[in-house]
Amino acid sequence: MSTKEISKTRKIAAWVIAGSLTALYLFSASGKLFLHPEQMEQMHLADWRIIIALGEIVSALLFLFPKTNKVGTLLLSSYMGGAIIIHMTGGIGIVMPVVVLMFVWVGFYLRNPKFFKLK
């Protein structure tokens, strides 16, 4: 494989991950806004559901666009860290938020490999 093929493959993989994660977060936010307020009440977050949903939407959109990808990655990482804590304190499994967080960072790495270089 030449360098161009790897670069093109990396771009496609990055966009697939970014698009999938954005769709996931938008779907999750729509559920918080319109569908499942009782689930938020069970986690004692009913008063915060609109703010949480708007944070998800903004973070996902920032993650999607290349110019704001770094900020979106940090916001989604913070959000998923909070989700992991909520799941741990509520006795819910943490596998899903951890896997989603890993995909956030894999997507970020595919788009910004130079970010992780030490030089």
C-alpha atoms as a PDB file:
ATOM      1  CA  MET A   1       0.000   0.000   0.000  1.00  0.00           C
ATOM      2  CA  SER A   2       1.219   3.416  -0.800  1.00  0.00           C
ATOM      3  CA  THR A   3       1.087   6.392   1.528  1.00  0.00           C
ATOM      4  CA  LYS A   4      -1.871   7.868  -0.372  1.00  0.00           C
ATOM      5  CA  GLU A   5      -3.942   4.701   0.084  1.00  0.00           C
ATOM      6  CA  ILE A   6      -3.283   4.665   3.815  1.00  0.00           C
ATOM      7  CA  SER A   7      -4.096   8.342   4.034  1.00  0.00           C
ATOM      8  CA  LYS A   8      -7.332   7.869   2.096  1.00  0.00           C
ATOM      9  CA  THR A   9      -8.265   4.835   4.185  1.00  0.00           C
ATOM     10  CA  ARG A  10      -7.506   6.751   7.359  1.00  0.00           C
ATOM     11  CA  LYS A  11      -9.691   9.652   6.203  1.00  0.00           C
ATOM     12  CA  ILE A  12     -12.576   7.358   5.360  1.00  0.00           C
ATOM     13  CA  ALA A  13     -12.290   5.535   8.694  1.00  0.00           C
ATOM     14  CA  ALA A  14     -12.108   8.846  10.553  1.00  0.00           C
ATOM     15  CA  TRP A  15     -15.226  10.173   8.830  1.00  0.00           C
ATOM     16  CA  VAL A  16     -17.125   6.935   9.413  1.00  0.00           C
ATOM     17  CA  ILE A  17     -16.266   7.035  13.121  1.00  0.00           C
ATOM     18  CA  ALA A  18     -16.996  10.769  13.412  1.00  0.00           C
ATOM     19  CA  GLY A  19     -20.300  10.439  11.570  1.00  0.00           C
ATOM     20  CA  SER A  20     -21.359   7.407  13.594  1.00  0.00           C
ATOM     21  CA  LEU A  21     -20.482   9.045  16.902  1.00  0.00           C
ATOM     22  CA  THR A  22     -22.236  12.268  15.923  1.00  0.00           C
ATOM     23  CA  ALA A  23     -25.359  10.302  14.992  1.00  0.00           C
ATOM     24  CA  LEU A  24     -25.156   8.397  18.289  1.00  0.00           C
ATOM     25  CA  TYR A  25     -24.887  11.589  20.346  1.00  0.00           C
ATOM     26  CA  LEU A  26     -27.663  13.344  18.414  1.00  0.00           C
ATOM     27  CA  PHE A  27     -29.912  10.312  18.895  1.00  0.00           C
ATOM     28  CA  SER A  28     -29.063  10.244  22.600  1.00  0.00           C
ATOM     29  CA  ALA A  29     -29.766  13.961  22.954  1.00  0.00           C
ATOM     30  CA  SER A  30     -33.105  13.659  21.169  1.00  0.00           C
ATOM     31  CA  GLY A  31     -34.106  10.929  23.616  1.00  0.00           C
ATOM     32  CA  LYS A  32     -33.259  13.201  26.531  1.00  0.00           C
ATOM     33  CA  LEU A  33     -35.190  16.083  25.002  1.00  0.00           C
ATOM     34  CA  PHE A  34     -38.281  14.288  23.748  1.00  0.00           C
ATOM     35  CA  LEU A  35     -38.610  10.646  24.764  1.00  0.00           C
ATOM     36  CA  HIS A  36     -37.330   9.397  28.093  1.00  0.00           C
ATOM     37  CA  PRO A  37     -37.556  11.918  30.943  1.00  0.00           C
ATOM     38  CA  GLU A  38     -38.354   9.083  33.371  1.00  0.00           C
ATOM     39  CA  GLN A  39     -34.909   7.548  32.822  1.00  0.00           C
ATOM     40  CA  MET A  40     -33.314  10.856  33.741  1.00  0.00           C
ATOM     41  CA  GLU A  41     -35.497  10.975  36.865  1.00  0.00           C
ATOM     42  CA  GLN A  42     -34.229   7.532  37.929  1.00  0.00           C
ATOM     43  CA  MET A  43     -30.673   8.866  37.804  1.00  0.00           C
ATOM     44  CA  HIS A  44     -31.730  12.059  39.619  1.00  0.00           C
ATOM     45  CA  LEU A  45     -30.843  14.158  36.570  1.00  0.00           C
ATOM     46  CA  ALA A  46     -34.322  15.207  35.441  1.00  0.00           C
ATOM     47  CA  ASP A  47     -33.651  18.889  36.131  1.00  0.00           C
ATOM     48  CA  TRP A  48     -30.512  18.750  33.995  1.00  0.00           C
ATOM     49  CA  ARG A  49     -31.783  16.801  30.999  1.00  0.00           C
ATOM     50  CA  ILE A  50     -32.141  19.795  28.659  1.00  0.00           C
ATOM     51  CA  ILE A  51     -28.694  21.153  29.532  1.00  0.00           C
ATOM     52  CA  ILE A  52     -27.152  17.689  29.163  1.00  0.00           C
ATOM     53  CA  ALA A  53     -28.860  17.178  25.786  1.00  0.00           C
ATOM     54  CA  LEU A  54     -27.740  20.574  24.485  1.00  0.00           C
ATOM     55  CA  GLY A  55     -24.205  19.837  25.675  1.00  0.00           C
ATOM     56  CA  GLU A  56     -24.294  16.557  23.781  1.00  0.00           C
ATOM     57  CA  ILE A  57     -25.475  18.260  20.603  1.00  0.00           C
ATOM     58  CA  VAL A  58     -22.876  21.028  20.731  1.00  0.00           C
ATOM     59  CA  SER A  59     -20.050  18.627  21.603  1.00  0.00           C
ATOM     60  CA  ALA A  60     -21.004  16.189  18.838  1.00  0.00           C
ATOM     61  CA  LEU A  61     -21.155  18.921  16.213  1.00  0.00           C
ATOM     62  CA  LEU A  62     -17.813  20.335  17.342  1.00  0.00           C
ATOM     63  CA  PHE A  63     -16.348  16.828  17.111  1.00  0.00           C
ATOM     64  CA  LEU A  64     -17.695  16.340  13.587  1.00  0.00           C
ATOM     65  CA  PHE A  65     -16.039  19.346  11.953  1.00  0.00           C
ATOM     66  CA  PRO A  66     -12.245  19.202  11.446  1.00  0.00           C
ATOM     67  CA  LYS A  67     -11.543  22.781  12.575  1.00  0.00           C
ATOM     68  CA  THR A  68     -13.214  22.231  15.944  1.00  0.00           C
ATOM     69  CA  ASN A  69     -12.386  18.536  16.333  1.00  0.00           C
ATOM     70  CA  LYS A  70      -9.961  19.081  19.226  1.00  0.00           C
ATOM     71  CA  VAL A  71     -12.475  21.028  21.301  1.00  0.00           C
ATOM     72  CA  GLY A  72     -15.199  18.497  20.493  1.00  0.00           C
ATOM     73  CA  THR A  73     -12.943  15.637  21.551  1.00  0.00           C
ATOM     74  CA  LEU A  74     -12.226  17.262  24.902  1.00  0.00           C
ATOM     75  CA  LEU A  75     -15.906  18.038  25.502  1.00  0.00           C
ATOM     76  CA  LEU A  76     -17.013  14.523  24.559  1.00  0.00           C
ATOM     77  CA  SER A  77     -14.290  13.059  26.771  1.00  0.00           C
ATOM     78  CA  SER A  78     -15.543  15.136  29.681  1.00  0.00           C
ATOM     79  CA  TYR A  79     -19.116  14.156  28.942  1.00  0.00           C
ATOM     80  CA  MET A  80     -18.252  10.456  28.759  1.00  0.00           C
ATOM     81  CA  GLY A  81     -16.243  10.730  31.974  1.00  0.00           C
ATOM     82  CA  GLY A  82     -19.382  12.064  33.631  1.00  0.00           C
ATOM     83  CA  ALA A  83     -21.441   9.278  32.071  1.00  0.00           C
ATOM     84  CA  ILE A  84     -19.017   6.694  33.449  1.00  0.00           C
ATOM     85  CA  ILE A  85     -19.306   8.208  36.944  1.00  0.00           C
ATOM     86  CA  ILE A  86     -23.127   8.286  36.738  1.00  0.00           C
ATOM     87  CA  HIS A  87     -23.164   4.659  35.591  1.00  0.00           C
ATOM     88  CA  MET A  88     -20.813   3.615  38.393  1.00  0.00           C
ATOM     89  CA  THR A  89     -22.799   5.375  41.118  1.00  0.00           C
ATOM     90  CA  GLY A  90     -26.092   4.076  39.711  1.00  0.00           C
ATOM     91  CA  GLY A  91     -24.948   0.471  39.553  1.00  0.00           C
ATOM     92  CA  ILE A  92     -25.173   0.419  35.754  1.00  0.00           C
ATOM     93  CA  GLY A  93     -22.490  -1.254  33.640  1.00  0.00           C
ATOM     94  CA  ILE A  94     -19.758   1.052  32.368  1.00  0.00           C
ATOM     95  CA  VAL A  95     -18.745  -0.924  29.283  1.00  0.00           C
ATOM     96  CA  MET A  96     -20.782   1.116  26.792  1.00  0.00           C
ATOM     97  CA  PRO A  97     -19.549   4.586  27.845  1.00  0.00           C
ATOM     98  CA  VAL A  98     -15.959   3.303  27.971  1.00  0.00           C
ATOM     99  CA  VAL A  99     -16.227   1.844  24.452  1.00  0.00           C
ATOM    100  CA  VAL A 100     -17.771   5.059  23.121  1.00  0.00           C
ATOM    101  CA  LEU A 101     -14.995   7.085  24.771  1.00  0.00           C
ATOM    102  CA  MET A 102     -12.393   4.854  23.131  1.00  0.00           C
ATOM    103  CA  PHE A 103     -14.020   5.454  19.732  1.00  0.00           C
ATOM    104  CA  VAL A 104     -13.932   9.212  20.366  1.00  0.00           C
ATOM    105  CA  TRP A 105     -10.164   9.032  20.864  1.00  0.00           C
ATOM    106  CA  VAL A 106      -9.602   6.616  17.967  1.00  0.00           C
ATOM    107  CA  GLY A 107     -11.520   8.993  15.706  1.00  0.00           C
ATOM    108  CA  PHE A 108      -9.466  11.903  16.998  1.00  0.00           C
ATOM    109  CA  TYR A 109      -6.214  10.010  16.425  1.00  0.00           C
ATOM    110  CA  LEU A 110      -7.179   9.101  12.869  1.00  0.00           C
ATOM    111  CA  ARG A 111      -7.816  12.758  12.107  1.00  0.00           C
ATOM    112  CA  ASN A 112      -4.888  14.214  14.070  1.00  0.00           C
ATOM    113  CA  PRO A 113      -2.022  11.704  14.267  1.00  0.00           C
ATOM    114  CA  LYS A 114       0.546  14.495  14.720  1.00  0.00           C
ATOM    115  CA  PHE A 115      -1.142  15.498  17.979  1.00  0.00           C
ATOM    116  CA  PHE A 116       0.322  12.410  19.676  1.00  0.00           C
ATOM    117  CA  LYS A 117       3.883  12.826  18.381  1.00  0.00           C
ATOM    118  CA  LEU A 118       6.428  13.859  20.996  1.00  0.00           C
ATOM    119  CA  LYS A 119       8.520  15.977  18.643  1.00  0.00           C
END
